PDB file of N, CA and C in Angstrom:
ATOM      1  N   MET A   1     153.047  83.381 207.384  1.00  0.00           N
ATOM      2  CA  MET A   1     152.405  84.604 207.823  1.00  0.00           C
ATOM      3  C   MET A   1     153.023  85.062 209.145  1.00  0.00           C
ATOM      4  N   PRO A   2     153.399  86.331 209.245  1.00  0.00           N
ATOM      5  CA  PRO A   2     154.068  86.794 210.468  1.00  0.00           C
ATOM      6  C   PRO A   2     153.128  86.795 211.668  1.00  0.00           C
ATOM      7  N   LYS A   3     153.699  86.544 212.832  1.00  0.00           N
ATOM      8  CA  LYS A   3     152.922  86.590 214.066  1.00  0.00           C
ATOM      9  C   LYS A   3     152.598  88.041 214.388  1.00  0.00           C
ATOM     10  N   LYS A   4     151.501  88.221 215.125  1.00  0.00           N
ATOM     11  CA  LYS A   4     151.078  89.558 215.500  1.00  0.00           C
ATOM     12  C   LYS A   4     150.917  89.645 217.011  1.00  0.00           C
ATOM     13  N   LEU A   5     151.165  90.835 217.545  1.00  0.00           N
ATOM     14  CA  LEU A   5     150.894  91.145 218.936  1.00  0.00           C
ATOM     15  C   LEU A   5     149.957  92.346 218.897  1.00  0.00           C
ATOM     16  N   LYS A   6     148.697  92.114 219.303  1.00  0.00           N
ATOM     17  CA  LYS A   6     147.660  93.127 219.134  1.00  0.00           C
ATOM     18  C   LYS A   6     147.368  93.845 220.443  1.00  0.00           C
ATOM     19  N   PHE A   7     147.139  95.153 220.315  1.00  0.00           N
ATOM     20  CA  PHE A   7     146.809  96.011 221.448  1.00  0.00           C
ATOM     21  C   PHE A   7     145.596  96.860 221.105  1.00  0.00           C
ATOM     22  N   LYS A   8     144.924  97.354 222.122  1.00  0.00           N
ATOM     23  CA  LYS A   8     143.846  98.313 221.911  1.00  0.00           C
ATOM     24  C   LYS A   8     144.437  99.591 221.317  1.00  0.00           C
ATOM     25  N   GLY A   9     143.604 100.310 220.568  1.00  0.00           N
ATOM     26  CA  GLY A   9     144.047 101.548 219.945  1.00  0.00           C
ATOM     27  C   GLY A   9     144.547 102.593 220.924  1.00  0.00           C
ATOM     28  N   LYS A  10     144.047 102.566 222.141  1.00  0.00           N
ATOM     29  CA  LYS A  10     144.457 103.575 223.132  1.00  0.00           C
ATOM     30  C   LYS A  10     145.936 103.454 223.521  1.00  0.00           C
ATOM     31  N   TYR A  11     146.585 102.363 223.151  1.00  0.00           N
ATOM     32  CA  TYR A  11     148.001 102.177 223.496  1.00  0.00           C
ATOM     33  C   TYR A  11     148.955 102.639 222.400  1.00  0.00           C
ATOM     34  N   ARG A  12     148.422 103.160 221.309  1.00  0.00           N
ATOM     35  CA  ARG A  12     149.248 103.531 220.156  1.00  0.00           C
ATOM     36  C   ARG A  12     150.433 104.418 220.533  1.00  0.00           C
ATOM     37  N   GLU A  13     150.168 105.534 221.196  1.00  0.00           N
ATOM     38  CA  GLU A  13     151.242 106.487 221.513  1.00  0.00           C
ATOM     39  C   GLU A  13     152.271 105.891 222.466  1.00  0.00           C
ATOM     40  N   LYS A  14     151.823 105.116 223.430  1.00  0.00           N
ATOM     41  CA  LYS A  14     152.761 104.487 224.374  1.00  0.00           C
ATOM     42  C   LYS A  14     153.662 103.480 223.661  1.00  0.00           C
ATOM     43  N   LEU A  15     153.105 102.766 222.704  1.00  0.00           N
ATOM     44  CA  LEU A  15     153.909 101.812 221.935  1.00  0.00           C
ATOM     45  C   LEU A  15     154.928 102.534 221.066  1.00  0.00           C
ATOM     46  N   LEU A  16     154.487 103.577 220.362  1.00  0.00           N
ATOM     47  CA  LEU A  16     155.388 104.307 219.464  1.00  0.00           C
ATOM     48  C   LEU A  16     156.476 105.057 220.221  1.00  0.00           C
ATOM     49  N   SER A  17     156.155 105.557 221.411  1.00  0.00           N
ATOM     50  CA  SER A  17     157.135 106.322 222.193  1.00  0.00           C
ATOM     51  C   SER A  17     158.105 105.423 222.955  1.00  0.00           C
ATOM     52  N   GLY A  18     157.776 104.133 223.052  1.00  0.00           N
ATOM     53  CA  GLY A  18     158.636 103.219 223.796  1.00  0.00           C
ATOM     54  C   GLY A  18     158.297 103.130 225.270  1.00  0.00           C
ATOM     55  N   ARG A  19     157.248 103.819 225.708  1.00  0.00           N
ATOM     56  CA  ARG A  19     156.853 103.735 227.123  1.00  0.00           C
ATOM     57  C   ARG A  19     156.223 102.382 227.443  1.00  0.00           C
ATOM     58  N   LYS A  20     155.655 101.725 226.440  1.00  0.00           N
ATOM     59  CA  LYS A  20     155.074 100.391 226.622  1.00  0.00           C
ATOM     60  C   LYS A  20     155.997  99.390 225.945  1.00  0.00           C
ATOM     61  N   LYS A  21     156.689  98.599 226.756  1.00  0.00           N
ATOM     62  CA  LYS A  21     157.634  97.630 226.211  1.00  0.00           C
ATOM     63  C   LYS A  21     157.407  96.228 226.762  1.00  0.00           C
ATOM     64  N   SER A  22     156.236  96.048 227.365  1.00  0.00           N
ATOM     65  CA  SER A  22     155.838  94.709 227.799  1.00  0.00           C
ATOM     66  C   SER A  22     154.320  94.644 227.810  1.00  0.00           C
ATOM     67  N   THR A  23     153.825  93.421 227.926  1.00  0.00           N
ATOM     68  CA  THR A  23     152.389  93.198 228.025  1.00  0.00           C
ATOM     69  C   THR A  23     152.165  91.948 228.855  1.00  0.00           C
ATOM     70  N   ILE A  24     151.039  91.901 229.514  1.00  0.00           N
ATOM     71  CA  ILE A  24     150.693  90.748 230.336  1.00  0.00           C
ATOM     72  C   ILE A  24     149.437  90.132 229.740  1.00  0.00           C
ATOM     73  N   ARG A  25     149.526  88.838 229.456  1.00  0.00           N
ATOM     74  CA  ARG A  25     148.435  88.132 228.783  1.00  0.00           C
ATOM     75  C   ARG A  25     148.085  86.866 229.562  1.00  0.00           C
ATOM     76  N   ARG A  26     146.892  86.331 229.287  1.00  0.00           N
ATOM     77  CA  ARG A  26     146.482  85.059 229.903  1.00  0.00           C
ATOM     78  C   ARG A  26     147.324  83.909 229.380  1.00  0.00           C
ATOM     79  N   GLY A  27     147.694  83.981 228.120  1.00  0.00           N
ATOM     80  CA  GLY A  27     148.490  82.925 227.508  1.00  0.00           C
ATOM     81  C   GLY A  27     149.086  83.453 226.214  1.00  0.00           C
ATOM     82  N   THR A  28     150.043  82.728 225.677  1.00  0.00           N
ATOM     83  CA  THR A  28     150.673  83.158 224.427  1.00  0.00           C
ATOM     84  C   THR A  28     151.382  81.980 223.780  1.00  0.00           C
ATOM     85  N   SER A  29     151.514  82.051 222.467  1.00  0.00           N
ATOM     86  CA  SER A  29     152.336  81.080 221.742  1.00  0.00           C
ATOM     87  C   SER A  29     153.682  81.711 221.378  1.00  0.00           C
ATOM     88  N   LEU A  30     153.882  82.973 221.749  1.00  0.00           N
ATOM     89  CA  LEU A  30     155.130  83.666 221.415  1.00  0.00           C
ATOM     90  C   LEU A  30     156.293  83.126 222.237  1.00  0.00           C
ATOM     91  N   ARG A  31     157.482  83.210 221.635  1.00  0.00           N
ATOM     92  CA  ARG A  31     158.716  82.741 222.274  1.00  0.00           C
ATOM     93  C   ARG A  31     159.798  83.810 222.096  1.00  0.00           C
ATOM     94  N   PRO A  32     160.782  83.847 223.010  1.00  0.00           N
ATOM     95  CA  PRO A  32     161.898  84.791 222.822  1.00  0.00           C
ATOM     96  C   PRO A  32     162.538  84.574 221.454  1.00  0.00           C
ATOM     97  N   GLY A  33     162.843  85.674 220.783  1.00  0.00           N
ATOM     98  CA  GLY A  33     163.437  85.621 219.454  1.00  0.00           C
ATOM     99  C   GLY A  33     162.423  85.759 218.331  1.00  0.00           C
ATOM    100  N   ASP A  34     161.138  85.595 218.647  1.00  0.00           N
ATOM    101  CA  ASP A  34     160.107  85.764 217.622  1.00  0.00           C
ATOM    102  C   ASP A  34     160.060  87.215 217.157  1.00  0.00           C
ATOM    103  N   LYS A  35     159.851  87.399 215.858  1.00  0.00           N
ATOM    104  CA  LYS A  35     159.567  88.729 215.300  1.00  0.00           C
ATOM    105  C   LYS A  35     158.065  88.811 215.114  1.00  0.00           C
ATOM    106  N   VAL A  36     157.498  89.924 215.538  1.00  0.00           N
ATOM    107  CA  VAL A  36     156.053  90.095 215.461  1.00  0.00           C
ATOM    108  C   VAL A  36     155.714  91.454 214.865  1.00  0.00           C
ATOM    109  N   ILE A  37     154.522  91.524 214.304  1.00  0.00           N
ATOM    110  CA  ILE A  37     153.951  92.794 213.876  1.00  0.00           C
ATOM    111  C   ILE A  37     153.152  93.336 215.062  1.00  0.00           C
ATOM    112  N   ILE A  38     153.436  94.571 215.453  1.00  0.00           N
ATOM    113  CA  ILE A  38     152.681  95.210 216.531  1.00  0.00           C
ATOM    114  C   ILE A  38     151.499  95.954 215.917  1.00  0.00           C
ATOM    115  N   GLU A  39     150.310  95.634 216.404  1.00  0.00           N
ATOM    116  CA  GLU A  39     149.104  96.314 215.942  1.00  0.00           C
ATOM    117  C   GLU A  39     148.439  97.018 217.112  1.00  0.00           C
ATOM    118  N   SER A  40     147.947  98.213 216.843  1.00  0.00           N
ATOM    119  CA  SER A  40     147.187  98.973 217.835  1.00  0.00           C
ATOM    120  C   SER A  40     145.879  99.368 217.176  1.00  0.00           C
ATOM    121  N   GLY A  41     144.774  98.881 217.704  1.00  0.00           N
ATOM    122  CA  GLY A  41     143.511  99.019 216.993  1.00  0.00           C
ATOM    123  C   GLY A  41     143.625  98.175 215.736  1.00  0.00           C
ATOM    124  N   GLU A  42     143.361  98.750 214.602  1.00  0.00           N
ATOM    125  CA  GLU A  42     143.518  98.040 213.325  1.00  0.00           C
ATOM    126  C   GLU A  42     144.783  98.487 212.595  1.00  0.00           C
ATOM    127  N   GLU A  43     145.603  99.304 213.246  1.00  0.00           N
ATOM    128  CA  GLU A  43     146.779  99.891 212.601  1.00  0.00           C
ATOM    129  C   GLU A  43     148.048  99.107 212.923  1.00  0.00           C
ATOM    130  N   SER A  44     148.825  98.816 211.901  1.00  0.00           N
ATOM    131  CA  SER A  44     150.123  98.187 212.089  1.00  0.00           C
ATOM    132  C   SER A  44     151.136  99.279 212.443  1.00  0.00           C
ATOM    133  N   LEU A  45     151.824  99.115 213.577  1.00  0.00           N
ATOM    134  CA  LEU A  45     152.773 100.130 214.039  1.00  0.00           C
ATOM    135  C   LEU A  45     154.218  99.807 213.695  1.00  0.00           C
ATOM    136  N   GLY A  46     154.498  98.566 213.355  1.00  0.00           N
ATOM    137  CA  GLY A  46     155.863  98.179 213.028  1.00  0.00           C
ATOM    138  C   GLY A  46     156.174  96.787 213.543  1.00  0.00           C
ATOM    139  N   GLU A  47     157.472  96.471 213.520  1.00  0.00           N
ATOM    140  CA  GLU A  47     157.923  95.149 213.962  1.00  0.00           C
ATOM    141  C   GLU A  47     158.582  95.243 215.326  1.00  0.00           C
ATOM    142  N   ALA A  48     158.475  94.144 216.049  1.00  0.00           N
ATOM    143  CA  ALA A  48     159.127  94.051 217.350  1.00  0.00           C
ATOM    144  C   ALA A  48     159.766  92.684 217.492  1.00  0.00           C
ATOM    145  N   LEU A  49     160.779  92.637 218.337  1.00  0.00           N
ATOM    146  CA  LEU A  49     161.460  91.396 218.681  1.00  0.00           C
ATOM    147  C   LEU A  49     161.029  91.012 220.093  1.00  0.00           C
ATOM    148  N   ILE A  50     160.563  89.784 220.264  1.00  0.00           N
ATOM    149  CA  ILE A  50     160.188  89.298 221.593  1.00  0.00           C
ATOM    150  C   ILE A  50     161.479  88.975 222.349  1.00  0.00           C
ATOM    151  N   LYS A  51     161.693  89.669 223.465  1.00  0.00           N
ATOM    152  CA  LYS A  51     162.904  89.477 224.266  1.00  0.00           C
ATOM    153  C   LYS A  51     162.734  88.423 225.342  1.00  0.00           C
ATOM    154  N   GLU A  52     161.542  88.373 225.925  1.00  0.00           N
ATOM    155  CA  GLU A  52     161.336  87.482 227.066  1.00  0.00           C
ATOM    156  C   GLU A  52     159.870  87.095 227.152  1.00  0.00           C
ATOM    157  N   VAL A  53     159.616  85.843 227.505  1.00  0.00           N
ATOM    158  CA  VAL A  53     158.271  85.372 227.820  1.00  0.00           C
ATOM    159  C   VAL A  53     158.413  84.564 229.108  1.00  0.00           C
ATOM    160  N   SER A  54     157.763  85.021 230.161  1.00  0.00           N
ATOM    161  CA  SER A  54     157.908  84.337 231.443  1.00  0.00           C
ATOM    162  C   SER A  54     156.569  84.262 232.168  1.00  0.00           C
ATOM    163  N   ASP A  55     156.485  83.304 233.083  1.00  0.00           N
ATOM    164  CA  ASP A  55     155.300  83.163 233.916  1.00  0.00           C
ATOM    165  C   ASP A  55     155.381  84.142 235.072  1.00  0.00           C
ATOM    166  N   VAL A  56     154.249  84.723 235.422  1.00  0.00           N
ATOM    167  CA  VAL A  56     154.171  85.586 236.592  1.00  0.00           C
ATOM    168  C   VAL A  56     152.791  85.379 237.215  1.00  0.00           C
ATOM    169  N   ARG A  57     152.755  85.302 238.509  1.00  0.00           N
ATOM    170  CA  ARG A  57     151.476  85.196 239.208  1.00  0.00           C
ATOM    171  C   ARG A  57     150.992  86.604 239.551  1.00  0.00           C
ATOM    172  N   VAL A  58     149.691  86.759 239.655  1.00  0.00           N
ATOM    173  CA  VAL A  58     149.114  88.074 239.929  1.00  0.00           C
ATOM    174  C   VAL A  58     149.775  88.726 241.135  1.00  0.00           C
ATOM    175  N   GLU A  59     149.977  87.967 242.209  1.00  0.00           N
ATOM    176  CA  GLU A  59     150.528  88.554 243.437  1.00  0.00           C
ATOM    177  C   GLU A  59     152.011  88.922 243.303  1.00  0.00           C
ATOM    178  N   GLU A  60     152.669  88.494 242.231  1.00  0.00           N
ATOM    179  CA  GLU A  60     154.079  88.834 242.004  1.00  0.00           C
ATOM    180  C   GLU A  60     154.252  90.119 241.205  1.00  0.00           C
ATOM    181  N   LEU A  61     153.164  90.643 240.647  1.00  0.00           N
ATOM    182  CA  LEU A  61     153.252  91.868 239.848  1.00  0.00           C
ATOM    183  C   LEU A  61     153.642  93.055 240.729  1.00  0.00           C
ATOM    184  N   THR A  62     154.445  93.964 240.159  1.00  0.00           N
ATOM    185  CA  THR A  62     154.954  95.113 240.898  1.00  0.00           C
ATOM    186  C   THR A  62     154.711  96.408 240.122  1.00  0.00           C
ATOM    187  N   ASP A  63     155.019  97.517 240.765  1.00  0.00           N
ATOM    188  CA  ASP A  63     154.948  98.810 240.081  1.00  0.00           C
ATOM    189  C   ASP A  63     155.897  98.839 238.884  1.00  0.00           C
ATOM    190  N   GLU A  64     157.030  98.157 238.983  1.00  0.00           N
ATOM    191  CA  GLU A  64     157.974  98.121 237.856  1.00  0.00           C
ATOM    192  C   GLU A  64     157.347  97.416 236.650  1.00  0.00           C
ATOM    193  N   HIS A  65     156.671  96.310 236.884  1.00  0.00           N
ATOM    194  CA  HIS A  65     155.956  95.634 235.795  1.00  0.00           C
ATOM    195  C   HIS A  65     154.956  96.604 235.168  1.00  0.00           C
ATOM    196  N   ALA A  66     154.231  97.330 236.019  1.00  0.00           N
ATOM    197  CA  ALA A  66     153.221  98.269 235.530  1.00  0.00           C
ATOM    198  C   ALA A  66     153.847  99.353 234.662  1.00  0.00           C
ATOM    199  N   ARG A  67     154.965  99.906 235.092  1.00  0.00           N
ATOM    200  CA  ARG A  67     155.624 100.977 234.315  1.00  0.00           C
ATOM    201  C   ARG A  67     156.114 100.453 232.968  1.00  0.00           C
ATOM    202  N   GLU A  68     156.694  99.248 232.932  1.00  0.00           N
ATOM    203  CA  GLU A  68     157.141  98.663 231.663  1.00  0.00           C
ATOM    204  C   GLU A  68     155.961  98.419 230.726  1.00  0.00           C
ATOM    205  N   ASP A  69     154.781  98.234 231.303  1.00  0.00           N
ATOM    206  CA  ASP A  69     153.569  97.983 230.531  1.00  0.00           C
ATOM    207  C   ASP A  69     152.847  99.289 230.177  1.00  0.00           C
ATOM    208  N   GLY A  70     153.456 100.423 230.539  1.00  0.00           N
ATOM    209  CA  GLY A  70     152.901 101.716 230.151  1.00  0.00           C
ATOM    210  C   GLY A  70     151.930 102.326 231.145  1.00  0.00           C
ATOM    211  N   PHE A  71     151.848 101.765 232.344  1.00  0.00           N
ATOM    212  CA  PHE A  71     150.955 102.287 233.377  1.00  0.00           C
ATOM    213  C   PHE A  71     151.757 103.047 234.426  1.00  0.00           C
ATOM    214  N   SER A  72     151.077 103.888 235.178  1.00  0.00           N
ATOM    215  CA  SER A  72     151.744 104.672 236.219  1.00  0.00           C
ATOM    216  C   SER A  72     152.098 103.826 237.433  1.00  0.00           C
ATOM    217  N   ASN A  73     151.229 102.849 237.740  1.00  0.00           N
ATOM    218  CA  ASN A  73     151.455 102.051 238.943  1.00  0.00           C
ATOM    219  C   ASN A  73     150.712 100.720 238.832  1.00  0.00           C
ATOM    220  N   LEU A  74     150.927  99.881 239.820  1.00  0.00           N
ATOM    221  CA  LEU A  74     150.345  98.540 239.830  1.00  0.00           C
ATOM    222  C   LEU A  74     148.818  98.602 239.860  1.00  0.00           C
ATOM    223  N   LYS A  75     148.256  99.529 240.597  1.00  0.00           N
ATOM    224  CA  LYS A  75     146.798  99.652 240.684  1.00  0.00           C
ATOM    225  C   LYS A  75     146.187  99.855 239.297  1.00  0.00           C
ATOM    226  N   GLU A  76     146.775 100.739 238.494  1.00  0.00           N
ATOM    227  CA  GLU A  76     146.273 100.976 237.126  1.00  0.00           C
ATOM    228  C   GLU A  76     146.365  99.707 236.276  1.00  0.00           C
ATOM    229  N   LEU A  77     147.480  99.003 236.386  1.00  0.00           N
ATOM    230  CA  LEU A  77     147.659  97.762 235.624  1.00  0.00           C
ATOM    231  C   LEU A  77     146.605  96.734 236.010  1.00  0.00           C
ATOM    232  N   LEU A  78     146.391  96.542 237.303  1.00  0.00           N
ATOM    233  CA  LEU A  78     145.412  95.553 237.758  1.00  0.00           C
ATOM    234  C   LEU A  78     143.996  95.936 237.332  1.00  0.00           C
ATOM    235  N   GLU A  79     143.682  97.234 237.337  1.00  0.00           N
ATOM    236  CA  GLU A  79     142.369  97.680 236.869  1.00  0.00           C
ATOM    237  C   GLU A  79     142.178  97.343 235.387  1.00  0.00           C
ATOM    238  N   GLU A  80     143.230  97.546 234.588  1.00  0.00           N
ATOM    239  CA  GLU A  80     143.136  97.239 233.152  1.00  0.00           C
ATOM    240  C   GLU A  80     143.004  95.736 232.926  1.00  0.00           C
ATOM    241  N   LEU A  81     143.803  94.938 233.635  1.00  0.00           N
ATOM    242  CA  LEU A  81     143.693  93.480 233.496  1.00  0.00           C
ATOM    243  C   LEU A  81     142.293  93.008 233.876  1.00  0.00           C
ATOM    244  N   SER A  82     141.737  93.579 234.934  1.00  0.00           N
ATOM    245  CA  SER A  82     140.395  93.224 235.366  1.00  0.00           C
ATOM    246  C   SER A  82     139.353  93.613 234.320  1.00  0.00           C
ATOM    247  N   SER A  83     139.533  94.768 233.674  1.00  0.00           N
ATOM    248  CA  SER A  83     138.559  95.205 232.667  1.00  0.00           C
ATOM    249  C   SER A  83     138.614  94.327 231.413  1.00  0.00           C
ATOM    250  N   ILE A  84     139.788  93.767 231.119  1.00  0.00           N
ATOM    251  CA  ILE A  84     139.942  92.911 229.940  1.00  0.00           C
ATOM    252  C   ILE A  84     139.487  91.481 230.227  1.00  0.00           C
ATOM    253  N   TYR A  85     139.961  90.924 231.334  1.00  0.00           N
ATOM    254  CA  TYR A  85     139.760  89.507 231.612  1.00  0.00           C
ATOM    255  C   TYR A  85     138.705  89.217 232.676  1.00  0.00           C
ATOM    256  N   GLY A  86     138.214  90.255 233.350  1.00  0.00           N
ATOM    257  CA  GLY A  86     137.264  90.051 234.436  1.00  0.00           C
ATOM    258  C   GLY A  86     137.966  90.017 235.779  1.00  0.00           C
ATOM    259  N   SER A  87     137.229  90.311 236.825  1.00  0.00           N
ATOM    260  CA  SER A  87     137.843  90.437 238.151  1.00  0.00           C
ATOM    261  C   SER A  87     138.419  89.121 238.666  1.00  0.00           C
ATOM    262  N   ARG A  88     137.965  87.996 238.123  1.00  0.00           N
ATOM    263  CA  ARG A  88     138.503  86.699 238.571  1.00  0.00           C
ATOM    264  C   ARG A  88     140.000  86.586 238.311  1.00  0.00           C
ATOM    265  N   ILE A  89     140.496  87.356 237.339  1.00  0.00           N
ATOM    266  CA  ILE A  89     141.931  87.315 237.010  1.00  0.00           C
ATOM    267  C   ILE A  89     142.787  87.767 238.196  1.00  0.00           C
ATOM    268  N   LEU A  90     142.215  88.562 239.079  1.00  0.00           N
ATOM    269  CA  LEU A  90     142.985  89.147 240.168  1.00  0.00           C
ATOM    270  C   LEU A  90     143.148  88.215 241.358  1.00  0.00           C
ATOM    271  N   ARG A  91     142.644  87.000 241.243  1.00  0.00           N
ATOM    272  CA  ARG A  91     142.780  86.055 242.350  1.00  0.00           C
ATOM    273  C   ARG A  91     144.230  85.625 242.529  1.00  0.00           C
ATOM    274  N   LYS A  92     144.626  85.514 243.780  1.00  0.00           N
ATOM    275  CA  LYS A  92     145.975  85.056 244.108  1.00  0.00           C
ATOM    276  C   LYS A  92     146.208  83.692 243.460  1.00  0.00           C
ATOM    277  N   GLY A  93     147.389  83.535 242.869  1.00  0.00           N
ATOM    278  CA  GLY A  93     147.745  82.269 242.247  1.00  0.00           C
ATOM    279  C   GLY A  93     147.477  82.205 240.758  1.00  0.00           C
ATOM    280  N   THR A  94     146.720  83.171 240.212  1.00  0.00           N
ATOM    281  CA  THR A  94     146.444  83.165 238.782  1.00  0.00           C
ATOM    282  C   THR A  94     147.748  83.376 238.013  1.00  0.00           C
ATOM    283  N   LYS A  95     148.059  82.438 237.116  1.00  0.00           N
ATOM    284  CA  LYS A  95     149.277  82.530 236.308  1.00  0.00           C
ATOM    285  C   LYS A  95     149.002  83.327 235.036  1.00  0.00           C
ATOM    286  N   LEU A  96     149.913  84.239 234.749  1.00  0.00           N
ATOM    287  CA  LEU A  96     149.842  85.055 233.543  1.00  0.00           C
ATOM    288  C   LEU A  96     151.159  84.943 232.802  1.00  0.00           C
ATOM    289  N   LYS A  97     151.191  85.447 231.589  1.00  0.00           N
ATOM    290  CA  LYS A  97     152.424  85.478 230.799  1.00  0.00           C
ATOM    291  C   LYS A  97     152.889  86.921 230.661  1.00  0.00           C
ATOM    292  N   LEU A  98     154.122  87.169 231.040  1.00  0.00           N
ATOM    293  CA  LEU A  98     154.761  88.466 230.878  1.00  0.00           C
ATOM    294  C   LEU A  98     155.585  88.409 229.601  1.00  0.00           C
ATOM    295  N   ILE A  99     155.254  89.294 228.659  1.00  0.00           N
ATOM    296  CA  ILE A  99     155.934  89.327 227.355  1.00  0.00           C
ATOM    297  C   ILE A  99     156.657  90.655 227.229  1.00  0.00           C
ATOM    298  N   LYS A 100     157.977  90.609 227.114  1.00  0.00           N
ATOM    299  CA  LYS A 100     158.781  91.822 226.927  1.00  0.00           C
ATOM    300  C   LYS A 100     159.233  91.875 225.476  1.00  0.00           C
ATOM    301  N   PHE A 101     159.212  93.092 224.907  1.00  0.00           N
ATOM    302  CA  PHE A 101     159.540  93.230 223.486  1.00  0.00           C
ATOM    303  C   PHE A 101     160.251  94.553 223.230  1.00  0.00           C
ATOM    304  N   ASP A 102     160.972  94.589 222.108  1.00  0.00           N
ATOM    305  CA  ASP A 102     161.636  95.806 221.625  1.00  0.00           C
ATOM    306  C   ASP A 102     161.071  96.135 220.262  1.00  0.00           C
ATOM    307  N   MET A 103     160.547  97.338 220.120  1.00  0.00           N
ATOM    308  CA  MET A 103     160.110  97.803 218.798  1.00  0.00           C
ATOM    309  C   MET A 103     161.374  98.016 217.961  1.00  0.00           C
ATOM    310  N   GLU A 104     161.415  97.397 216.784  1.00  0.00           N
ATOM    311  CA  GLU A 104     162.604  97.517 215.922  1.00  0.00           C
ATOM    312  C   GLU A 104     162.374  98.492 214.782  1.00  0.00           C
ATOM    313  N   SER A 105     161.170  98.526 214.279  1.00  0.00           N
ATOM    314  CA  SER A 105     160.852  99.475 213.213  1.00  0.00           C
ATOM    315  C   SER A 105     159.461 100.018 213.492  1.00  0.00           C
ATOM    316  N   LYS A 106     159.270 101.297 213.185  1.00  0.00           N
ATOM    317  CA  LYS A 106     157.988 101.930 213.474  1.00  0.00           C
ATOM    318  C   LYS A 106     157.418 102.502 212.187  1.00  0.00           C
ATOM    319  N   GLN A 107     156.096 102.411 212.066  1.00  0.00           N
ATOM    320  CA  GLN A 107     155.408 102.908 210.884  1.00  0.00           C
ATOM    321  C   GLN A 107     154.338 103.917 211.285  1.00  0.00           C
ATOM    322  N   GLY A 108     154.550 104.702 212.290  1.00  0.00           N
ATOM    323  CA  GLY A 108     153.468 105.577 212.693  1.00  0.00           C
ATOM    324  C   GLY A 108     153.896 106.966 212.672  1.00  0.00           C
TER     325      GLY A 108
END
């Protein structure tokens, strides 16, 4: 069964347009080279290739990370992470996983 990378439905257009090409998660079993099905809401958007999976601490996040993740700036990214995982995620030293991917085929 193919691996999946799931997103909220509100990210559909950013994923399809290529503005969202990374995601930050608490943890992952994904590895570089993995092929995944990208889902937004309950909709399958296509396949993607995982390019990079790396550790990043909250205090290391930058505006560039935010833009690759489809946000305007770091403040927006941190607000979204806090809304998903709770404000405790924003503590200095919290380790997260940065997952970079390339959409290879789109079905939207």
